[in-house]
PDB file of all heavy atoms in Angstrom:
ATOM      1  N   TYR A   1      14.132  18.439   3.357  1.00  0.00           N
ATOM      2  CA  TYR A   1      13.033  19.230   3.917  1.00  0.00           C
ATOM      3  C   TYR A   1      11.908  18.288   4.330  1.00  0.00           C
ATOM      4  O   TYR A   1      11.353  17.573   3.486  1.00  0.00           O
ATOM      5  CB  TYR A   1      12.523  20.256   2.907  1.00  0.00           C
ATOM      6  CG  TYR A   1      13.591  21.206   2.432  1.00  0.00           C
ATOM      7  CD1 TYR A   1      14.253  20.975   1.229  1.00  0.00           C
ATOM      8  CD2 TYR A   1      13.956  22.319   3.184  1.00  0.00           C
ATOM      9  CE1 TYR A   1      15.249  21.826   0.783  1.00  0.00           C
ATOM     10  CE2 TYR A   1      14.953  23.176   2.748  1.00  0.00           C
ATOM     11  CZ  TYR A   1      15.592  22.926   1.551  1.00  0.00           C
ATOM     12  OH  TYR A   1      16.580  23.773   1.118  1.00  0.00           O
ATOM     13  N   LEU A   2      11.595  18.290   5.595  1.00  0.00           N
ATOM     14  CA  LEU A   2      10.499  17.475   6.111  1.00  0.00           C
ATOM     15  C   LEU A   2       9.388  18.392   6.578  1.00  0.00           C
ATOM     16  O   LEU A   2       9.623  19.335   7.336  1.00  0.00           O
ATOM     17  CB  LEU A   2      10.970  16.612   7.280  1.00  0.00           C
ATOM     18  CG  LEU A   2       9.897  15.683   7.861  1.00  0.00           C
ATOM     19  CD1 LEU A   2       9.549  14.577   6.869  1.00  0.00           C
ATOM     20  CD2 LEU A   2      10.355  15.082   9.193  1.00  0.00           C
ATOM     21  N   VAL A   3       8.169  18.112   6.103  1.00  0.00           N
ATOM     22  CA  VAL A   3       6.978  18.855   6.525  1.00  0.00           C
ATOM     23  C   VAL A   3       6.033  17.863   7.174  1.00  0.00           C
ATOM     24  O   VAL A   3       5.553  16.926   6.518  1.00  0.00           O
ATOM     25  CB  VAL A   3       6.295  19.560   5.341  1.00  0.00           C
ATOM     26  CG1 VAL A   3       5.045  20.289   5.810  1.00  0.00           C
ATOM     27  CG2 VAL A   3       7.264  20.530   4.662  1.00  0.00           C
ATOM     28  N   VAL A   4       5.772  18.039   8.454  1.00  0.00           N
ATOM     29  CA  VAL A   4       4.858  17.167   9.200  1.00  0.00           C
ATOM     30  C   VAL A   4       3.541  17.907   9.372  1.00  0.00           C
ATOM     31  O   VAL A   4       3.492  18.956  10.032  1.00  0.00           O
ATOM     32  CB  VAL A   4       5.436  16.787  10.576  1.00  0.00           C
ATOM     33  CG1 VAL A   4       4.452  15.888  11.329  1.00  0.00           C
ATOM     34  CG2 VAL A   4       6.791  16.099  10.417  1.00  0.00           C
ATOM     35  N   ILE A   5       2.488  17.398   8.751  1.00  0.00           N
ATOM     36  CA  ILE A   5       1.143  17.965   8.910  1.00  0.00           C
ATOM     37  C   ILE A   5       0.437  17.130   9.969  1.00  0.00           C
ATOM     38  O   ILE A   5       0.129  15.952   9.753  1.00  0.00           O
ATOM     39  CB  ILE A   5       0.365  17.960   7.588  1.00  0.00           C
ATOM     40  CG1 ILE A   5       1.133  18.732   6.501  1.00  0.00           C
ATOM     41  CG2 ILE A   5      -1.018  18.562   7.787  1.00  0.00           C
ATOM     42  CD1 ILE A   5       0.464  18.723   5.136  1.00  0.00           C
ATOM     43  N   PHE A   6       0.217  17.729  11.127  1.00  0.00           N
ATOM     44  CA  PHE A   6      -0.297  16.985  12.275  1.00  0.00           C
ATOM     45  C   PHE A   6      -1.746  17.381  12.505  1.00  0.00           C
ATOM     46  O   PHE A   6      -2.049  18.468  12.991  1.00  0.00           O
ATOM     47  CB  PHE A   6       0.558  17.289  13.504  1.00  0.00           C
ATOM     48  CG  PHE A   6       0.484  16.248  14.584  1.00  0.00           C
ATOM     49  CD1 PHE A   6       0.782  14.924  14.309  1.00  0.00           C
ATOM     50  CD2 PHE A   6       0.143  16.598  15.879  1.00  0.00           C
ATOM     51  CE1 PHE A   6       0.735  13.953  15.304  1.00  0.00           C
ATOM     52  CE2 PHE A   6       0.097  15.639  16.882  1.00  0.00           C
ATOM     53  CZ  PHE A   6       0.394  14.314  16.597  1.00  0.00           C
ATOM     54  N   GLN A   7      -2.650  16.467  12.158  1.00  0.00           N
ATOM     55  CA  GLN A   7      -4.080  16.740  12.192  1.00  0.00           C
ATOM     56  C   GLN A   7      -4.735  16.161  13.437  1.00  0.00           C
ATOM     57  O   GLN A   7      -4.059  15.653  14.327  1.00  0.00           O
ATOM     58  CB  GLN A   7      -4.728  16.212  10.906  1.00  0.00           C
ATOM     59  CG  GLN A   7      -4.260  16.934   9.631  1.00  0.00           C
ATOM     60  CD  GLN A   7      -4.740  18.369   9.578  1.00  0.00           C
ATOM     61  OE1 GLN A   7      -4.052  19.285  10.012  1.00  0.00           O
ATOM     62  NE2 GLN A   7      -5.935  18.566   9.042  1.00  0.00           N
ATOM     63  N   GLU A   8      -6.057  16.193  13.483  1.00  0.00           N
ATOM     64  CA  GLU A   8      -6.781  15.911  14.711  1.00  0.00           C
ATOM     65  C   GLU A   8      -7.802  14.784  14.579  1.00  0.00           C
ATOM     66  O   GLU A   8      -8.618  14.768  13.657  1.00  0.00           O
ATOM     67  CB  GLU A   8      -7.528  17.177  15.169  1.00  0.00           C
ATOM     68  CG  GLU A   8      -6.646  18.318  15.634  1.00  0.00           C
ATOM     69  CD  GLU A   8      -6.088  18.098  17.012  1.00  0.00           C
ATOM     70  OE1 GLU A   8      -6.851  17.689  17.916  1.00  0.00           O
ATOM     71  OE2 GLU A   8      -4.875  18.306  17.191  1.00  0.00           O
ATOM     72  N   ASN A   9      -7.723  13.824  15.492  1.00  0.00           N
ATOM     73  CA  ASN A   9      -8.862  13.002  15.901  1.00  0.00           C
ATOM     74  C   ASN A   9      -9.481  12.143  14.804  1.00  0.00           C
ATOM     75  O   ASN A   9     -10.670  12.261  14.503  1.00  0.00           O
ATOM     76  CB  ASN A   9      -9.937  13.920  16.505  1.00  0.00           C
ATOM     77  CG  ASN A   9      -9.464  14.577  17.787  1.00  0.00           C
ATOM     78  OD1 ASN A   9      -8.403  15.200  17.814  1.00  0.00           O
ATOM     79  ND2 ASN A   9     -10.239  14.441  18.838  1.00  0.00           N
ATOM     80  N   VAL A  10      -8.705  11.228  14.260  1.00  0.00           N
ATOM     81  CA  VAL A  10      -9.203  10.307  13.244  1.00  0.00           C
ATOM     82  C   VAL A  10      -8.592   8.927  13.467  1.00  0.00           C
ATOM     83  O   VAL A  10      -7.373   8.804  13.575  1.00  0.00           O
ATOM     84  CB  VAL A  10      -8.843  10.800  11.818  1.00  0.00           C
ATOM     85  CG1 VAL A  10      -9.176   9.740  10.779  1.00  0.00           C
ATOM     86  CG2 VAL A  10      -9.576  12.092  11.499  1.00  0.00           C
ATOM     87  N   SER A  11      -9.423   7.896  13.530  1.00  0.00           N
ATOM     88  CA  SER A  11      -8.899   6.529  13.546  1.00  0.00           C
ATOM     89  C   SER A  11      -8.692   6.055  12.105  1.00  0.00           C
ATOM     90  O   SER A  11      -9.261   6.613  11.165  1.00  0.00           O
ATOM     91  CB  SER A  11      -9.865   5.591  14.267  1.00  0.00           C
ATOM     92  OG  SER A  11     -11.007   5.314  13.457  1.00  0.00           O
ATOM     93  N   PHE A  12      -7.901   5.005  11.953  1.00  0.00           N
ATOM     94  CA  PHE A  12      -7.639   4.496  10.604  1.00  0.00           C
ATOM     95  C   PHE A  12      -8.930   4.019   9.948  1.00  0.00           C
ATOM     96  O   PHE A  12      -9.225   4.389   8.799  1.00  0.00           O
ATOM     97  CB  PHE A  12      -6.618   3.357  10.649  1.00  0.00           C
ATOM     98  CG  PHE A  12      -6.282   2.819   9.280  1.00  0.00           C
ATOM     99  CD1 PHE A  12      -5.304   3.422   8.510  1.00  0.00           C
ATOM    100  CD2 PHE A  12      -6.964   1.726   8.757  1.00  0.00           C
ATOM    101  CE1 PHE A  12      -5.009   2.952   7.232  1.00  0.00           C
ATOM    102  CE2 PHE A  12      -6.673   1.240   7.490  1.00  0.00           C
ATOM    103  CZ  PHE A  12      -5.693   1.863   6.720  1.00  0.00           C
ATOM    104  N   ASP A  13      -9.721   3.212  10.636  1.00  0.00           N
ATOM    105  CA  ASP A  13     -10.961   2.706  10.031  1.00  0.00           C
ATOM    106  C   ASP A  13     -11.937   3.823   9.701  1.00  0.00           C
ATOM    107  O   ASP A  13     -12.736   3.696   8.764  1.00  0.00           O
ATOM    108  CB  ASP A  13     -11.637   1.700  10.968  1.00  0.00           C
ATOM    109  CG  ASP A  13     -11.062   0.299  10.860  1.00  0.00           C
ATOM    110  OD1 ASP A  13     -10.342   0.019   9.875  1.00  0.00           O
ATOM    111  OD2 ASP A  13     -11.325  -0.521  11.767  1.00  0.00           O
ATOM    112  N   HIS A  14     -11.889   4.924  10.436  1.00  0.00           N
ATOM    113  CA  HIS A  14     -12.815   6.035  10.198  1.00  0.00           C
ATOM    114  C   HIS A  14     -12.586   6.654   8.817  1.00  0.00           C
ATOM    115  O   HIS A  14     -13.536   7.138   8.194  1.00  0.00           O
ATOM    116  CB  HIS A  14     -12.633   7.080  11.298  1.00  0.00           C
ATOM    117  CG  HIS A  14     -13.655   8.181  11.288  1.00  0.00           C
ATOM    118  ND1 HIS A  14     -15.011   7.950  11.344  1.00  0.00           N
ATOM    119  CD2 HIS A  14     -13.511   9.537  11.237  1.00  0.00           C
ATOM    120  CE1 HIS A  14     -15.658   9.099  11.331  1.00  0.00           C
ATOM    121  NE2 HIS A  14     -14.779  10.081  11.253  1.00  0.00           N
ATOM    122  N   TYR A  15     -11.349   6.645   8.336  1.00  0.00           N
ATOM    123  CA  TYR A  15     -11.031   7.210   7.028  1.00  0.00           C
ATOM    124  C   TYR A  15     -10.707   6.160   5.962  1.00  0.00           C
ATOM    125  O   TYR A  15     -10.927   6.406   4.779  1.00  0.00           O
ATOM    126  CB  TYR A  15      -9.830   8.161   7.139  1.00  0.00           C
ATOM    127  CG  TYR A  15     -10.177   9.610   7.419  1.00  0.00           C
ATOM    128  CD1 TYR A  15     -11.452  10.000   7.844  1.00  0.00           C
ATOM    129  CD2 TYR A  15      -9.216  10.607   7.284  1.00  0.00           C
ATOM    130  CE1 TYR A  15     -11.757  11.323   8.104  1.00  0.00           C
ATOM    131  CE2 TYR A  15      -9.505  11.942   7.541  1.00  0.00           C
ATOM    132  CZ  TYR A  15     -10.770  12.299   7.950  1.00  0.00           C
ATOM    133  OH  TYR A  15     -11.058  13.619   8.199  1.00  0.00           O
ATOM    134  N   PHE A  16     -10.178   5.019   6.362  1.00  0.00           N
ATOM    135  CA  PHE A  16      -9.673   4.066   5.374  1.00  0.00           C
ATOM    136  C   PHE A  16     -10.237   2.652   5.552  1.00  0.00           C
ATOM    137  O   PHE A  16      -9.731   1.712   4.953  1.00  0.00           O
ATOM    138  CB  PHE A  16      -8.141   3.995   5.447  1.00  0.00           C
ATOM    139  CG  PHE A  16      -7.453   5.220   4.909  1.00  0.00           C
ATOM    140  CD1 PHE A  16      -6.947   6.179   5.767  1.00  0.00           C
ATOM    141  CD2 PHE A  16      -7.299   5.407   3.541  1.00  0.00           C
ATOM    142  CE1 PHE A  16      -6.312   7.310   5.280  1.00  0.00           C
ATOM    143  CE2 PHE A  16      -6.662   6.520   3.039  1.00  0.00           C
ATOM    144  CZ  PHE A  16      -6.162   7.479   3.910  1.00  0.00           C
ATOM    145  N   GLY A  17     -11.307   2.501   6.348  1.00  0.00           N
ATOM    146  CA  GLY A  17     -11.802   1.167   6.662  1.00  0.00           C
ATOM    147  C   GLY A  17     -12.205   0.344   5.455  1.00  0.00           C
ATOM    148  O   GLY A  17     -12.057  -0.879   5.455  1.00  0.00           O
ATOM    149  N   THR A  18     -12.725   0.985   4.391  1.00  0.00           N
ATOM    150  CA  THR A  18     -13.140   0.229   3.208  1.00  0.00           C
ATOM    151  C   THR A  18     -12.229   0.484   2.007  1.00  0.00           C
ATOM    152  O   THR A  18     -12.568   0.109   0.881  1.00  0.00           O
ATOM    153  CB  THR A  18     -14.596   0.564   2.814  1.00  0.00           C
ATOM    154  OG1 THR A  18     -14.688   1.955   2.478  1.00  0.00           O
ATOM    155  CG2 THR A  18     -15.550   0.230   3.948  1.00  0.00           C
ATOM    156  N   TYR A  19     -11.092   1.122   2.232  1.00  0.00           N
ATOM    157  CA  TYR A  19     -10.140   1.370   1.138  1.00  0.00           C
ATOM    158  C   TYR A  19      -9.692   0.035   0.530  1.00  0.00           C
ATOM    159  O   TYR A  19      -9.425  -0.920   1.254  1.00  0.00           O
ATOM    160  CB  TYR A  19      -8.918   2.114   1.676  1.00  0.00           C
ATOM    161  CG  TYR A  19      -7.862   2.431   0.640  1.00  0.00           C
ATOM    162  CD1 TYR A  19      -7.952   3.579  -0.131  1.00  0.00           C
ATOM    163  CD2 TYR A  19      -6.776   1.581   0.442  1.00  0.00           C
ATOM    164  CE1 TYR A  19      -6.978   3.880  -1.075  1.00  0.00           C
ATOM    165  CE2 TYR A  19      -5.816   1.878  -0.504  1.00  0.00           C
ATOM    166  CZ  TYR A  19      -5.909   3.018  -1.260  1.00  0.00           C
ATOM    167  OH  TYR A  19      -4.953   3.313  -2.202  1.00  0.00           O
ATOM    168  N   PRO A  20      -9.604  -0.071  -0.813  1.00  0.00           N
ATOM    169  CA  PRO A  20      -9.806   0.972  -1.814  1.00  0.00           C
ATOM    170  C   PRO A  20     -11.172   0.925  -2.500  1.00  0.00           C
ATOM    171  O   PRO A  20     -11.309   1.377  -3.631  1.00  0.00           O
ATOM    172  CB  PRO A  20      -8.697   0.661  -2.812  1.00  0.00           C
ATOM    173  CG  PRO A  20      -8.636  -0.839  -2.817  1.00  0.00           C
ATOM    174  CD  PRO A  20      -8.944  -1.262  -1.403  1.00  0.00           C
ATOM    175  N   GLY A  21     -12.185   0.396  -1.809  1.00  0.00           N
ATOM    176  CA  GLY A  21     -13.504   0.282  -2.418  1.00  0.00           C
ATOM    177  C   GLY A  21     -14.442   1.381  -1.956  1.00  0.00           C
ATOM    178  O   GLY A  21     -14.838   1.426  -0.789  1.00  0.00           O
ATOM    179  N   ALA A  22     -14.806   2.284  -2.867  1.00  0.00           N
ATOM    180  CA  ALA A  22     -15.734   3.367  -2.564  1.00  0.00           C
ATOM    181  C   ALA A  22     -17.116   3.051  -3.116  1.00  0.00           C
ATOM    182  O   ALA A  22     -17.260   2.324  -4.105  1.00  0.00           O
ATOM    183  CB  ALA A  22     -15.224   4.686  -3.146  1.00  0.00           C
ATOM    184  N   THR A  23     -18.145   3.607  -2.497  1.00  0.00           N
ATOM    185  CA  THR A  23     -19.525   3.342  -2.911  1.00  0.00           C
ATOM    186  C   THR A  23     -19.878   4.030  -4.228  1.00  0.00           C
ATOM    187  O   THR A  23     -20.661   3.503  -5.029  1.00  0.00           O
ATOM    188  CB  THR A  23     -20.483   3.812  -1.803  1.00  0.00           C
ATOM    189  OG1 THR A  23     -20.095   3.202  -0.562  1.00  0.00           O
ATOM    190  CG2 THR A  23     -21.916   3.433  -2.120  1.00  0.00           C
ATOM    191  N   ASN A  24     -19.340   5.219  -4.462  1.00  0.00           N
ATOM    192  CA  ASN A  24     -19.532   5.996  -5.697  1.00  0.00           C
ATOM    193  C   ASN A  24     -20.996   6.276  -6.033  1.00  0.00           C
ATOM    194  O   ASN A  24     -21.459   6.024  -7.154  1.00  0.00           O
ATOM    195  CB  ASN A  24     -18.854   5.290  -6.882  1.00  0.00           C
ATOM    196  CG  ASN A  24     -17.337   5.334  -6.790  1.00  0.00           C
ATOM    197  OD1 ASN A  24     -16.768   6.296  -6.279  1.00  0.00           O
ATOM    198  ND2 ASN A  24     -16.685   4.295  -7.281  1.00  0.00           N
TER     199      ASN A  24
END
């Protein structure tokens, strides 16, 4: 069973640019 969740309009750096360091 494959489920593809296809979302909208995000670049990698926009969500993960500083991963795995969060400001907290």
